[in-house]
PDB file of N, CA and C in Angstrom:
ATOM      1  N   MET A   1     124.938 135.236  63.318  1.00  0.00           N
ATOM      2  CA  MET A   1     123.853 136.194  63.478  1.00  0.00           C
ATOM      3  C   MET A   1     122.549 135.366  63.933  1.00  0.00           C
ATOM      4  N   GLU A   2     122.269 133.680  63.431  1.00  0.00           N
ATOM      5  CA  GLU A   2     121.423 132.692  63.963  1.00  0.00           C
ATOM      6  C   GLU A   2     121.600 132.914  65.657  1.00  0.00           C
ATOM      7  N   THR A   3     122.863 132.651  65.970  1.00  0.00           N
ATOM      8  CA  THR A   3     123.034 132.403  67.101  1.00  0.00           C
ATOM      9  C   THR A   3     122.411 133.522  68.144  1.00  0.00           C
ATOM     10  N   ILE A   4     122.531 135.019  67.820  1.00  0.00           N
ATOM     11  CA  ILE A   4     122.236 135.836  68.349  1.00  0.00           C
ATOM     12  C   ILE A   4     120.695 136.103  68.500  1.00  0.00           C
ATOM     13  N   ILE A   5     119.837 135.782  67.580  1.00  0.00           N
ATOM     14  CA  ILE A   5     118.294 135.884  67.287  1.00  0.00           C
ATOM     15  C   ILE A   5     118.169 134.801  68.145  1.00  0.00           C
ATOM     16  N   THR A   6     118.492 133.407  68.604  1.00  0.00           N
ATOM     17  CA  THR A   6     118.049 132.186  69.103  1.00  0.00           C
ATOM     18  C   THR A   6     118.221 132.965  70.481  1.00  0.00           C
ATOM     19  N   VAL A   7     119.416 133.102  71.052  1.00  0.00           N
ATOM     20  CA  VAL A   7     119.364 133.873  72.569  1.00  0.00           C
ATOM     21  C   VAL A   7     118.357 134.963  72.440  1.00  0.00           C
ATOM     22  N   ALA A   8     118.447 135.782  71.738  1.00  0.00           N
ATOM     23  CA  ALA A   8     117.189 136.873  71.910  1.00  0.00           C
ATOM     24  C   ALA A   8     115.658 136.106  71.927  1.00  0.00           C
ATOM     25  N   VAL A   9     115.637 135.225  71.596  1.00  0.00           N
ATOM     26  CA  VAL A   9     113.660 134.484  71.871  1.00  0.00           C
ATOM     27  C   VAL A   9     113.741 133.641  73.021  1.00  0.00           C
ATOM     28  N   ILE A  10     114.895 132.967  73.150  1.00  0.00           N
ATOM     29  CA  ILE A  10     115.035 132.453  74.587  1.00  0.00           C
ATOM     30  C   ILE A  10     115.063 133.089  75.735  1.00  0.00           C
ATOM     31  N   ILE A  11     115.493 134.760  75.665  1.00  0.00           N
ATOM     32  CA  ILE A  11     115.645 135.364  76.960  1.00  0.00           C
ATOM     33  C   ILE A  11     114.051 136.324  76.950  1.00  0.00           C
ATOM     34  N   LEU A  12     113.356 136.474  75.826  1.00  0.00           N
ATOM     35  CA  LEU A  12     112.164 137.025  75.661  1.00  0.00           C
ATOM     36  C   LEU A  12     111.160 135.858  76.107  1.00  0.00           C
ATOM     37  N   MET A  13     110.990 134.788  75.952  1.00  0.00           N
ATOM     38  CA  MET A  13     110.461 133.551  76.349  1.00  0.00           C
ATOM     39  C   MET A  13     110.430 133.515  77.979  1.00  0.00           C
ATOM     40  N   ILE A  14     111.655 133.561  78.331  1.00  0.00           N
ATOM     41  CA  ILE A  14     111.852 133.521  79.691  1.00  0.00           C
ATOM     42  C   ILE A  14     111.514 134.811  80.673  1.00  0.00           C
ATOM     43  N   VAL A  15     111.327 135.822  80.061  1.00  0.00           N
ATOM     44  CA  VAL A  15     110.793 137.208  80.716  1.00  0.00           C
ATOM     45  C   VAL A  15     109.341 136.737  80.459  1.00  0.00           C
ATOM     46  N   ALA A  16     108.542 136.453  78.972  1.00  0.00           N
ATOM     47  CA  ALA A  16     107.321 136.354  79.271  1.00  0.00           C
ATOM     48  C   ALA A  16     106.558 135.429  80.083  1.00  0.00           C
ATOM     49  N   GLY A  17     107.455 134.517  80.410  1.00  0.00           N
ATOM     50  CA  GLY A  17     107.106 133.356  81.177  1.00  0.00           C
ATOM     51  C   GLY A  17     107.070 134.254  83.147  1.00  0.00           C
ATOM     52  N   VAL A  18     108.283 134.923  83.061  1.00  0.00           N
ATOM     53  CA  VAL A  18     107.871 135.592  84.852  1.00  0.00           C
ATOM     54  C   VAL A  18     107.026 136.357  84.829  1.00  0.00           C
ATOM     55  N   ILE A  19     106.820 137.236  83.661  1.00  0.00           N
ATOM     56  CA  ILE A  19     105.584 138.110  83.843  1.00  0.00           C
ATOM     57  C   ILE A  19     104.236 137.040  83.932  1.00  0.00           C
ATOM     58  N   LEU A  20     104.077 135.853  83.340  1.00  0.00           N
ATOM     59  CA  LEU A  20     103.016 135.679  83.271  1.00  0.00           C
ATOM     60  C   LEU A  20     102.827 134.713  84.710  1.00  0.00           C
ATOM     61  N   ILE A  21     104.155 134.342  85.236  1.00  0.00           N
ATOM     62  CA  ILE A  21     103.922 133.520  86.613  1.00  0.00           C
ATOM     63  C   ILE A  21     103.588 134.684  87.582  1.00  0.00           C
ATOM     64  N   HIS A  22     104.208 136.094  87.662  1.00  0.00           N
ATOM     65  CA  HIS A  22     104.354 137.199  88.252  1.00  0.00           C
ATOM     66  C   HIS A  22     102.559 137.764  88.397  1.00  0.00           C
ATOM     67  N   LEU A  23     101.736 137.585  87.189  1.00  0.00           N
ATOM     68  CA  LEU A  23     100.270 137.937  87.094  1.00  0.00           C
ATOM     69  C   LEU A  23      99.576 136.601  87.544  1.00  0.00           C
ATOM     70  N   LEU A  24      99.884 135.876  87.483  1.00  0.00           N
ATOM     71  CA  LEU A  24      99.001 134.928  88.626  1.00  0.00           C
ATOM     72  C   LEU A  24      99.191 134.669  89.724  1.00  0.00           C
ATOM     73  N   ASN A  25     100.288 134.828  90.089  1.00  0.00           N
ATOM     74  CA  ASN A  25     100.715 134.938  91.765  1.00  0.00           C
ATOM     75  C   ASN A  25      99.772 135.946  92.026  1.00  0.00           C
ATOM     76  N   ALA A  26      99.851 137.377  91.631  1.00  0.00           N
ATOM     77  CA  ALA A  26      98.930 138.679  91.887  1.00  0.00           C
ATOM     78  C   ALA A  26      97.434 138.080  92.066  1.00  0.00           C
ATOM     79  N   GLN A  27      96.698 137.542  91.179  1.00  0.00           N
ATOM     80  CA  GLN A  27      95.328 137.226  90.889  1.00  0.00           C
ATOM     81  C   GLN A  27      95.393 136.270  92.227  1.00  0.00           C
ATOM     82  N   HIS A  28      95.919 135.378  92.346  1.00  0.00           N
ATOM     83  CA  HIS A  28      95.671 134.165  93.254  1.00  0.00           C
ATOM     84  C   HIS A  28      95.656 134.986  94.921  1.00  0.00           C
ATOM     85  N   HIS A  29      96.763 136.082  95.093  1.00  0.00           N
ATOM     86  CA  HIS A  29      96.693 136.477  96.447  1.00  0.00           C
ATOM     87  C   HIS A  29      95.595 137.693  96.656  1.00  0.00           C
ATOM     88  N   GLU A  30      95.117 138.203  95.309  1.00  0.00           N
ATOM     89  CA  GLU A  30      93.777 138.808  95.461  1.00  0.00           C
ATOM     90  C   GLU A  30      92.723 138.409  95.708  1.00  0.00           C
ATOM     91  N   ARG A  31      92.437 137.156  95.653  1.00  0.00           N
ATOM     92  CA  ARG A  31      91.670 135.860  95.582  1.00  0.00           C
ATOM     93  C   ARG A  31      91.579 135.577  97.263  1.00  0.00           C
ATOM     94  N   ILE A  32      92.592 135.571  97.409  1.00  0.00           N
ATOM     95  CA  ILE A  32      92.986 134.902  98.983  1.00  0.00           C
ATOM     96  C   ILE A  32      92.747 136.086 100.086  1.00  0.00           C
ATOM     97  N   ALA A  33      92.879 137.335  99.589  1.00  0.00           N
ATOM     98  CA  ALA A  33      92.841 138.304 100.373  1.00  0.00           C
ATOM     99  C   ALA A  33      91.553 138.634 100.529  1.00  0.00           C
ATOM    100  N   ALA A  34      90.732 138.547  99.419  1.00  0.00           N
ATOM    101  CA  ALA A  34      89.058 138.805  99.235  1.00  0.00           C
ATOM    102  C   ALA A  34      88.470 137.948 100.092  1.00  0.00           C
ATOM    103  N   PHE A  35      88.430 136.778 100.236  1.00  0.00           N
ATOM    104  CA  PHE A  35      88.138 135.582 101.174  1.00  0.00           C
ATOM    105  C   PHE A  35      89.059 134.836 102.111  1.00  0.00           C
ATOM    106  N   PRO A  36      89.533 135.447 103.213  1.00  0.00           N
ATOM    107  CA  PRO A  36      90.524 135.173 104.035  1.00  0.00           C
ATOM    108  C   PRO A  36      89.932 133.682 104.945  1.00  0.00           C
ATOM    109  N   TYR A  37      88.804 133.922 105.153  1.00  0.00           N
ATOM    110  CA  TYR A  37      88.039 133.036 106.179  1.00  0.00           C
ATOM    111  C   TYR A  37      86.921 131.755 105.663  1.00  0.00           C
ATOM    112  N   SER A  38      86.761 131.926 104.448  1.00  0.00           N
ATOM    113  CA  SER A  38      85.761 131.126 103.698  1.00  0.00           C
ATOM    114  C   SER A  38      85.845 129.844 103.597  1.00  0.00           C
ATOM    115  N   GLU A  39      85.022 129.031 103.322  1.00  0.00           N
ATOM    116  CA  GLU A  39      84.818 127.282 103.441  1.00  0.00           C
ATOM    117  C   GLU A  39      85.452 126.963 102.386  1.00  0.00           C
ATOM    118  N   ALA A  40      85.853 125.880 102.430  1.00  0.00           N
ATOM    119  CA  ALA A  40      86.620 124.995 100.907  1.00  0.00           C
ATOM    120  C   ALA A  40      85.512 125.104  99.950  1.00  0.00           C
ATOM    121  N   LEU A  41      86.318 125.457  99.245  1.00  0.00           N
ATOM    122  CA  LEU A  41      85.186 125.075  97.435  1.00  0.00           C
ATOM    123  C   LEU A  41      84.636 123.773  97.520  1.00  0.00           C
ATOM    124  N   ARG A  42      83.704 123.554  97.063  1.00  0.00           N
ATOM    125  CA  ARG A  42      83.483 122.460  96.541  1.00  0.00           C
ATOM    126  C   ARG A  42      84.024 121.205  95.496  1.00  0.00           C
ATOM    127  N   GLY A  43      83.988 120.106  95.737  1.00  0.00           N
ATOM    128  CA  GLY A  43      85.366 119.486  94.885  1.00  0.00           C
ATOM    129  C   GLY A  43      86.486 119.359  95.602  1.00  0.00           C
ATOM    130  N   SER A  44      87.155 120.078  96.178  1.00  0.00           N
ATOM    131  CA  SER A  44      88.747 120.332  96.228  1.00  0.00           C
ATOM    132  C   SER A  44      89.236 119.340  97.369  1.00  0.00           C
ATOM    133  N   GLY A  45      88.284 118.444  97.923  1.00  0.00           N
ATOM    134  CA  GLY A  45      88.800 117.388  98.398  1.00  0.00           C
ATOM    135  C   GLY A  45      88.974 117.314  99.742  1.00  0.00           C
ATOM    136  N   ARG A  46      88.059 118.784 100.330  1.00  0.00           N
ATOM    137  CA  ARG A  46      88.132 118.756 101.657  1.00  0.00           C
ATOM    138  C   ARG A  46      86.821 118.503 102.146  1.00  0.00           C
ATOM    139  N   ARG A  47      86.409 118.280 103.220  1.00  0.00           N
ATOM    140  CA  ARG A  47      85.011 118.051 103.886  1.00  0.00           C
ATOM    141  C   ARG A  47      84.682 119.399 104.182  1.00  0.00           C
ATOM    142  N   SER A  48      83.268 119.495 103.757  1.00  0.00           N
ATOM    143  CA  SER A  48      82.486 120.971 103.710  1.00  0.00           C
ATOM    144  C   SER A  48      82.135 121.292 105.371  1.00  0.00           C
ATOM    145  N   CYS A  49      81.396 119.610 105.653  1.00  0.00           N
ATOM    146  CA  CYS A  49      81.233 119.819 107.258  1.00  0.00           C
ATOM    147  C   CYS A  49      81.695 119.134 108.413  1.00  0.00           C
ATOM    148  N   PRO A  50      82.355 119.426 108.872  1.00  0.00           N
ATOM    149  CA  PRO A  50      83.419 118.969 110.103  1.00  0.00           C
ATOM    150  C   PRO A  50      83.090 118.359 110.981  1.00  0.00           C
ATOM    151  N   ASN A  51      81.750 118.580 111.242  1.00  0.00           N
ATOM    152  CA  ASN A  51      80.889 118.221 112.233  1.00  0.00           C
ATOM    153  C   ASN A  51      80.063 117.033 112.064  1.00  0.00           C
ATOM    154  N   ARG A  52      80.441 116.775 110.618  1.00  0.00           N
ATOM    155  CA  ARG A  52      79.521 115.297 110.335  1.00  0.00           C
ATOM    156  C   ARG A  52      79.860 114.375 110.883  1.00  0.00           C
ATOM    157  N   GLN A  53      78.960 113.708 111.334  1.00  0.00           N
ATOM    158  CA  GLN A  53      79.274 112.157 111.914  1.00  0.00           C
ATOM    159  C   GLN A  53      79.942 111.157 110.744  1.00  0.00           C
ATOM    160  N   VAL A  54      80.447 109.824 110.784  1.00  0.00           N
ATOM    161  CA  VAL A  54      80.810 108.926 109.839  1.00  0.00           C
ATOM    162  C   VAL A  54      80.003 107.870 110.689  1.00  0.00           C
ATOM    163  N   THR A  55      78.928 107.679 109.360  1.00  0.00           N
ATOM    164  CA  THR A  55      78.141 106.213 109.604  1.00  0.00           C
ATOM    165  C   THR A  55      78.687 105.033 109.796  1.00  0.00           C
ATOM    166  N   GLU A  56      78.295 104.293 110.822  1.00  0.00           N
ATOM    167  CA  GLU A  56      78.753 102.591 110.688  1.00  0.00           C
ATOM    168  C   GLU A  56      78.269 101.994 109.971  1.00  0.00           C
ATOM    169  N   PRO A  57      78.983 100.836 108.751  1.00  0.00           N
ATOM    170  CA  PRO A  57      78.065  99.948 108.203  1.00  0.00           C
ATOM    171  C   PRO A  57      76.825  99.344 109.013  1.00  0.00           C
ATOM    172  N   THR A  58      76.164  99.323 108.570  1.00  0.00           N
ATOM    173  CA  THR A  58      75.182  98.191 109.183  1.00  0.00           C
ATOM    174  C   THR A  58      75.517  96.508 108.959  1.00  0.00           C
ATOM    175  N   GLU A  59      75.970  96.132 107.682  1.00  0.00           N
ATOM    176  CA  GLU A  59      75.952  94.755 107.609  1.00  0.00           C
ATOM    177  C   GLU A  59      77.796  94.515 107.498  1.00  0.00           C
ATOM    178  N   PRO A  60      77.910  93.536 107.819  1.00  0.00           N
ATOM    179  CA  PRO A  60      79.692  93.864 107.630  1.00  0.00           C
ATOM    180  C   PRO A  60      80.211  93.283 106.200  1.00  0.00           C
ATOM    181  N   PRO A  61      81.131  93.760 105.573  1.00  0.00           N
ATOM    182  CA  PRO A  61      82.065  93.467 104.946  1.00  0.00           C
ATOM    183  C   PRO A  61      81.754  92.429 103.694  1.00  0.00           C
ATOM    184  N   VAL A  62      81.810  92.275 102.710  1.00  0.00           N
ATOM    185  CA  VAL A  62      81.502  90.749 101.894  1.00  0.00           C
ATOM    186  C   VAL A  62      83.088  90.668 101.706  1.00  0.00           C
ATOM    187  N   ALA A  63      83.208  89.438 101.796  1.00  0.00           N
ATOM    188  CA  ALA A  63      84.572  88.644 101.607  1.00  0.00           C
ATOM    189  C   ALA A  63      84.938  88.667 100.014  1.00  0.00           C
ATOM    190  N   THR A  64      85.817  88.801  99.577  1.00  0.00           N
ATOM    191  CA  THR A  64      86.349  88.741  98.012  1.00  0.00           C
ATOM    192  C   THR A  64      86.963  87.283  97.665  1.00  0.00           C
ATOM    193  N   HIS A  65      87.144  86.953  96.671  1.00  0.00           N
ATOM    194  CA  HIS A  65      87.370  86.000  96.503  1.00  0.00           C
ATOM    195  C   HIS A  65      89.140  85.673  96.857  1.00  0.00           C
ATOM    196  N   HIS A  66      89.501  86.475  96.665  1.00  0.00           N
ATOM    197  CA  HIS A  66      91.273  86.700  97.146  1.00  0.00           C
ATOM    198  C   HIS A  66      90.997  85.979  98.566  1.00  0.00           C
ATOM    199  N   GLU A  67      90.434  86.833  99.633  1.00  0.00           N
ATOM    200  CA  GLU A  67      90.313  86.616 101.023  1.00  0.00           C
ATOM    201  C   GLU A  67      89.845  85.247 101.591  1.00  0.00           C
ATOM    202  N   ASN A  68      88.680  84.676 100.224  1.00  0.00           N
ATOM    203  CA  ASN A  68      88.558  83.054 100.728  1.00  0.00           C
ATOM    204  C   ASN A  68      89.860  82.107 100.196  1.00  0.00           C
ATOM    205  N   ARG A  69      90.417  82.402  99.140  1.00  0.00           N
ATOM    206  CA  ARG A  69      91.647  81.651  98.844  1.00  0.00           C
ATOM    207  C   ARG A  69      92.617  81.594  99.773  1.00  0.00           C
ATOM    208  N   ALA A  70      92.763  82.937 100.500  1.00  0.00           N
ATOM    209  CA  ALA A  70      93.965  82.979 101.624  1.00  0.00           C
ATOM    210  C   ALA A  70      93.554  82.625 102.885  1.00  0.00           C
ATOM    211  N   GLY A  71      92.177  81.805 103.133  1.00  0.00           N
ATOM    212  CA  GLY A  71      91.695  81.309 104.386  1.00  0.00           C
ATOM    213  C   GLY A  71      91.731  82.697 105.337  1.00  0.00           C
ATOM    214  N   GLY A  72      90.959  83.797 104.836  1.00  0.00           N
ATOM    215  CA  GLY A  72      90.268  85.024 105.265  1.00  0.00           C
ATOM    216  C   GLY A  72      89.031  84.318 105.615  1.00  0.00           C
ATOM    217  N   ARG A  73      88.219  85.291 105.917  1.00  0.00           N
ATOM    218  CA  ARG A  73      86.548  85.347 106.060  1.00  0.00           C
ATOM    219  C   ARG A  73      85.938  83.699 105.451  1.00  0.00           C
ATOM    220  N   ARG A  74      85.250  83.369 106.181  1.00  0.00           N
ATOM    221  CA  ARG A  74      84.382  82.214 105.367  1.00  0.00           C
ATOM    222  C   ARG A  74      83.039  82.368 105.863  1.00  0.00           C
TER     223      ARG A  74
END
């Protein structure tokens, strides 16, 4: 009897997980459909302004202790 209950609980947990994943996917697809060509969200790792030029440093980089020991910059 315990085995039947255990199997039933496992099957119910799997069904609950499938339903949850289905609902989350539907919500995600609705968001994509609502804003198909919107800009990237802030903080998502993408650059918000693709035309921005990268500024070059005005001073050369400072050598680290490791580079000095290895015979790098002086």
